[in-house]
Each structure stands twice: as structure tokens, then as C-alpha cells.
N, C-alpha and C. Protein backbone atom coordinates (compact mmCIF):
# COMPACT_ATOMS: atom_id res chain seq x y z
N MET A 1 77.59 197.48 -35.27
CA MET A 1 78.93 197.40 -34.70
C MET A 1 79.26 195.93 -34.42
N ARG A 2 80.47 195.55 -34.75
CA ARG A 2 80.91 194.17 -34.55
C ARG A 2 81.81 194.07 -33.32
N GLU A 3 82.03 192.84 -32.89
CA GLU A 3 82.93 192.60 -31.75
C GLU A 3 84.30 193.20 -32.01
N ARG A 4 84.78 193.05 -33.23
CA ARG A 4 86.10 193.58 -33.59
C ARG A 4 86.18 195.09 -33.36
N ASP A 5 85.09 195.82 -33.64
CA ASP A 5 85.07 197.27 -33.46
C ASP A 5 85.17 197.63 -31.97
N VAL A 6 84.46 196.88 -31.13
CA VAL A 6 84.51 197.11 -29.68
C VAL A 6 85.93 196.83 -29.18
N GLU A 7 86.50 195.73 -29.67
CA GLU A 7 87.85 195.33 -29.26
C GLU A 7 88.89 196.39 -29.65
N GLN A 8 88.81 196.90 -30.86
CA GLN A 8 89.75 197.93 -31.31
C GLN A 8 89.60 199.21 -30.50
N SER A 9 88.38 199.54 -30.11
CA SER A 9 88.16 200.72 -29.27
C SER A 9 88.83 200.57 -27.92
N LEU A 10 88.74 199.37 -27.34
CA LEU A 10 89.39 199.11 -26.05
C LEU A 10 90.91 199.24 -26.19
N VAL A 11 91.47 198.61 -27.19
CA VAL A 11 92.93 198.64 -27.38
C VAL A 11 93.42 200.08 -27.54
N ARG A 12 92.72 200.88 -28.34
CA ARG A 12 93.11 202.29 -28.54
C ARG A 12 93.02 203.08 -27.23
N ALA A 13 91.95 202.88 -26.47
CA ALA A 13 91.76 203.63 -25.22
C ALA A 13 92.84 203.29 -24.20
N VAL A 14 93.18 202.03 -24.08
CA VAL A 14 94.23 201.61 -23.14
C VAL A 14 95.58 202.18 -23.56
N LYS A 15 95.87 202.08 -24.84
CA LYS A 15 97.15 202.59 -25.37
C LYS A 15 97.26 204.10 -25.15
N LYS A 16 96.18 204.81 -25.35
CA LYS A 16 96.17 206.27 -25.18
C LYS A 16 96.55 206.67 -23.76
N LEU A 17 96.25 205.81 -22.78
CA LEU A 17 96.56 206.10 -21.39
C LEU A 17 97.89 205.48 -20.94
N GLY A 18 98.67 205.00 -21.90
CA GLY A 18 100.00 204.49 -21.59
C GLY A 18 100.05 203.02 -21.24
N GLY A 19 98.95 202.31 -21.45
CA GLY A 19 98.92 200.88 -21.13
C GLY A 19 99.07 200.01 -22.36
N MET A 20 98.94 198.72 -22.13
CA MET A 20 98.98 197.73 -23.20
C MET A 20 97.73 196.86 -23.07
N CYS A 21 97.29 196.32 -24.19
CA CYS A 21 96.10 195.47 -24.17
C CYS A 21 96.29 194.29 -25.13
N PRO A 22 97.24 193.39 -24.79
CA PRO A 22 97.52 192.28 -25.70
C PRO A 22 96.39 191.25 -25.73
N LYS A 23 96.34 190.54 -26.83
CA LYS A 23 95.41 189.42 -26.98
C LYS A 23 95.82 188.36 -25.97
N PHE A 24 94.85 187.73 -25.31
CA PHE A 24 95.13 186.68 -24.33
C PHE A 24 94.79 185.34 -24.97
N VAL A 25 95.82 184.52 -25.15
CA VAL A 25 95.64 183.20 -25.72
C VAL A 25 96.23 182.20 -24.73
N SER A 26 95.49 181.18 -24.39
CA SER A 26 95.97 180.18 -23.45
C SER A 26 95.70 178.78 -24.02
N PRO A 27 96.67 178.25 -24.76
CA PRO A 27 96.48 176.91 -25.35
C PRO A 27 96.14 175.88 -24.27
N GLY A 28 95.11 175.11 -24.54
CA GLY A 28 94.71 174.08 -23.59
C GLY A 28 93.73 174.56 -22.54
N LEU A 29 93.42 175.84 -22.53
CA LEU A 29 92.45 176.38 -21.56
C LEU A 29 91.45 177.25 -22.32
N ASP A 30 90.38 176.64 -22.75
CA ASP A 30 89.36 177.35 -23.51
C ASP A 30 88.56 178.30 -22.63
N GLY A 31 87.96 179.30 -23.25
CA GLY A 31 87.05 180.19 -22.54
C GLY A 31 87.70 181.36 -21.84
N VAL A 32 89.01 181.56 -22.02
CA VAL A 32 89.67 182.69 -21.35
C VAL A 32 89.25 184.00 -22.03
N PRO A 33 89.32 185.11 -21.30
CA PRO A 33 88.96 186.41 -21.89
C PRO A 33 89.83 186.75 -23.10
N ASP A 34 89.32 187.64 -23.95
CA ASP A 34 89.99 188.01 -25.19
C ASP A 34 91.26 188.84 -24.98
N ARG A 35 91.24 189.74 -24.01
CA ARG A 35 92.34 190.70 -23.84
C ARG A 35 92.74 190.82 -22.37
N ILE A 36 94.02 191.14 -22.16
CA ILE A 36 94.53 191.50 -20.83
C ILE A 36 94.74 193.01 -20.86
N ILE A 37 94.23 193.70 -19.87
CA ILE A 37 94.42 195.15 -19.75
C ILE A 37 95.57 195.36 -18.78
N LEU A 38 96.67 195.91 -19.28
CA LEU A 38 97.86 196.17 -18.47
C LEU A 38 98.06 197.68 -18.41
N MET A 39 97.91 198.25 -17.22
CA MET A 39 98.01 199.69 -17.06
C MET A 39 99.22 200.05 -16.21
N PRO A 40 99.75 201.28 -16.38
CA PRO A 40 100.88 201.71 -15.56
C PRO A 40 100.58 201.52 -14.07
N GLY A 41 101.63 201.20 -13.33
CA GLY A 41 101.46 200.98 -11.89
C GLY A 41 101.10 199.54 -11.56
N ALA A 42 101.30 198.64 -12.51
CA ALA A 42 101.05 197.20 -12.32
C ALA A 42 99.58 196.88 -12.08
N HIS A 43 98.69 197.59 -12.74
CA HIS A 43 97.26 197.31 -12.65
C HIS A 43 96.87 196.39 -13.81
N ILE A 44 96.18 195.30 -13.46
CA ILE A 44 95.84 194.28 -14.45
C ILE A 44 94.36 193.93 -14.36
N ALA A 45 93.73 193.75 -15.51
CA ALA A 45 92.36 193.25 -15.59
C ALA A 45 92.24 192.45 -16.88
N PHE A 46 91.14 191.77 -17.03
CA PHE A 46 90.86 190.99 -18.23
C PHE A 46 89.59 191.50 -18.86
N ALA A 47 89.47 191.36 -20.17
CA ALA A 47 88.28 191.82 -20.88
C ALA A 47 87.82 190.77 -21.89
N GLU A 48 86.57 190.42 -21.79
CA GLU A 48 85.91 189.60 -22.81
C GLU A 48 85.11 190.57 -23.67
N LEU A 49 85.38 190.58 -24.96
CA LEU A 49 84.71 191.51 -25.87
C LEU A 49 83.60 190.79 -26.62
N LYS A 50 82.49 191.48 -26.77
CA LYS A 50 81.33 190.94 -27.47
C LYS A 50 80.73 191.99 -28.38
N ALA A 51 80.03 191.55 -29.39
CA ALA A 51 79.23 192.46 -30.20
C ALA A 51 78.09 192.96 -29.32
N PRO A 52 77.59 194.17 -29.58
CA PRO A 52 76.51 194.71 -28.74
C PRO A 52 75.35 193.72 -28.56
N GLY A 53 74.98 193.53 -27.30
CA GLY A 53 73.87 192.66 -26.95
C GLY A 53 74.20 191.19 -26.81
N ARG A 54 75.41 190.80 -27.18
CA ARG A 54 75.79 189.38 -27.08
C ARG A 54 76.25 189.07 -25.66
N LYS A 55 76.05 187.85 -25.23
CA LYS A 55 76.39 187.41 -23.87
C LYS A 55 77.52 186.38 -23.91
N MET A 56 78.17 186.21 -22.76
CA MET A 56 79.24 185.22 -22.65
C MET A 56 78.66 183.80 -22.66
N ARG A 57 79.42 182.88 -23.22
CA ARG A 57 79.05 181.47 -23.20
C ARG A 57 79.29 180.93 -21.78
N PRO A 58 78.65 179.81 -21.43
CA PRO A 58 78.81 179.26 -20.07
C PRO A 58 80.28 179.03 -19.67
N LEU A 59 81.12 178.53 -20.57
CA LEU A 59 82.53 178.32 -20.23
C LEU A 59 83.23 179.65 -19.97
N GLN A 60 82.88 180.69 -20.70
CA GLN A 60 83.47 182.01 -20.47
C GLN A 60 83.05 182.56 -19.11
N VAL A 61 81.81 182.32 -18.72
CA VAL A 61 81.33 182.74 -17.40
C VAL A 61 82.12 182.01 -16.31
N LYS A 62 82.38 180.72 -16.53
CA LYS A 62 83.16 179.94 -15.56
C LYS A 62 84.57 180.50 -15.43
N ARG A 63 85.23 180.79 -16.56
CA ARG A 63 86.60 181.34 -16.51
C ARG A 63 86.61 182.71 -15.83
N LYS A 64 85.58 183.51 -16.09
CA LYS A 64 85.46 184.82 -15.43
C LYS A 64 85.40 184.63 -13.93
N SER A 65 84.58 183.71 -13.47
CA SER A 65 84.47 183.43 -12.03
C SER A 65 85.78 182.94 -11.44
N GLN A 66 86.48 182.08 -12.18
CA GLN A 66 87.77 181.57 -11.69
C GLN A 66 88.78 182.70 -11.52
N LEU A 67 88.87 183.57 -12.51
CA LEU A 67 89.81 184.69 -12.42
C LEU A 67 89.42 185.66 -11.31
N GLU A 68 88.14 185.92 -11.17
CA GLU A 68 87.67 186.81 -10.09
C GLU A 68 87.95 186.21 -8.72
N SER A 69 87.84 184.89 -8.60
CA SER A 69 88.13 184.26 -7.30
C SER A 69 89.61 184.38 -6.93
N LEU A 70 90.45 184.64 -7.94
CA LEU A 70 91.88 184.87 -7.69
C LEU A 70 92.18 186.35 -7.43
N GLY A 71 91.14 187.18 -7.50
CA GLY A 71 91.30 188.59 -7.19
C GLY A 71 91.42 189.51 -8.40
N PHE A 72 91.27 188.99 -9.60
CA PHE A 72 91.37 189.82 -10.81
C PHE A 72 90.00 190.38 -11.19
N ARG A 73 90.03 191.55 -11.80
CA ARG A 73 88.82 192.13 -12.38
C ARG A 73 88.67 191.56 -13.78
N VAL A 74 87.44 191.19 -14.13
CA VAL A 74 87.15 190.66 -15.46
C VAL A 74 85.90 191.38 -15.96
N TYR A 75 86.01 191.98 -17.13
CA TYR A 75 84.90 192.76 -17.70
C TYR A 75 84.39 192.09 -18.96
N CYS A 76 83.09 192.11 -19.13
CA CYS A 76 82.48 191.73 -20.39
C CYS A 76 82.03 193.05 -21.02
N ILE A 77 82.66 193.42 -22.11
CA ILE A 77 82.42 194.71 -22.74
C ILE A 77 81.75 194.48 -24.10
N ASP A 78 80.53 195.01 -24.24
CA ASP A 78 79.84 194.86 -25.52
C ASP A 78 79.45 196.20 -26.14
N ARG A 79 79.87 197.29 -25.49
CA ARG A 79 79.62 198.63 -26.03
C ARG A 79 80.81 199.51 -25.70
N PRO A 80 81.22 200.39 -26.62
CA PRO A 80 82.35 201.27 -26.35
C PRO A 80 82.15 202.14 -25.09
N GLU A 81 80.93 202.43 -24.74
CA GLU A 81 80.66 203.28 -23.57
C GLU A 81 81.11 202.61 -22.27
N GLN A 82 81.31 201.29 -22.27
CA GLN A 82 81.73 200.58 -21.07
C GLN A 82 83.24 200.62 -20.86
N ILE A 83 83.96 201.02 -21.86
CA ILE A 83 85.43 200.96 -21.80
C ILE A 83 86.00 201.89 -20.73
N ASN A 84 85.54 203.12 -20.66
CA ASN A 84 86.08 204.06 -19.68
C ASN A 84 85.92 203.55 -18.25
N THR A 85 84.76 202.99 -17.94
CA THR A 85 84.54 202.45 -16.60
C THR A 85 85.51 201.32 -16.30
N ALA A 86 85.70 200.42 -17.26
CA ALA A 86 86.62 199.30 -17.06
C ALA A 86 88.04 199.80 -16.79
N ILE A 87 88.49 200.77 -17.56
CA ILE A 87 89.83 201.30 -17.37
C ILE A 87 89.95 202.03 -16.04
N THR A 88 88.97 202.84 -15.72
CA THR A 88 88.99 203.60 -14.46
C THR A 88 89.03 202.65 -13.26
N GLU A 89 88.23 201.62 -13.28
CA GLU A 89 88.24 200.65 -12.17
C GLU A 89 89.56 199.90 -12.12
N THR A 90 90.13 199.58 -13.27
CA THR A 90 91.39 198.84 -13.32
C THR A 90 92.52 199.64 -12.68
N ILE A 91 92.55 200.93 -12.92
CA ILE A 91 93.66 201.73 -12.38
C ILE A 91 93.37 202.27 -10.99
N GLY A 92 92.26 201.82 -10.41
CA GLY A 92 91.98 202.18 -9.02
C GLY A 92 91.10 203.39 -8.85
N GLY A 93 90.36 203.75 -9.88
CA GLY A 93 89.42 204.86 -9.76
C GLY A 93 88.25 204.49 -8.88
N ASP A 94 87.40 205.46 -8.59
CA ASP A 94 86.27 205.19 -7.71
C ASP A 94 84.99 204.86 -8.45
N ALA A 95 85.03 204.76 -9.77
CA ALA A 95 83.84 204.40 -10.53
C ALA A 95 83.52 202.92 -10.30
N LYS A 96 82.33 202.62 -9.94
CA LYS A 96 81.91 201.23 -9.70
C LYS A 96 80.59 200.97 -10.35
């Protein structure tokens, strides 16, 4: 499974629940997460997608910490099985 496959699974799952999952591009600010998870009810999170077993680069870890310090949830997803938990937590579910 490739990173692209994990990413497409996330986009489909979010869309199925009525949300959007656009690509996040920030010119001049490297290391930002790949996708923004936008769910009904103004719930927002970020997702860095990886191929199974791959880890975030140091700059990506720094950006994750910066976004989390602002109060946003940031997920590193490298397996489709992690997608449901990320979505549930984003919309205020009790899965942690």
C-alpha cells in the first residue's frame, strides 16, 4: 500500500460523512500536513499521510506541534484502520 492509497481512503471516508478533505498547501511554509479534515459543525483537524510504517520528518513533527499548540488536532495516518479514529475524534466522539 502506498501513501496515495491511504490518502484516498481518508478523502473518501470524510466525504461519505458529509465533510471535505482538501489538500493543504502553504507556499513558504514547508512541512505542513497533507490534508485538512473539515467536518459538519465546524470541526477541523489536519492529517499527515504516510505509507505504512513511514514516520514524519523532523520539520513535519515541528509543524504538528505548532498546530497542536494552537489547539488543532493533527493526525499522522499510515494505515486505513486509523482513519475512523481520526474522524471520530475530530467530530467530538469519545474515541481517544
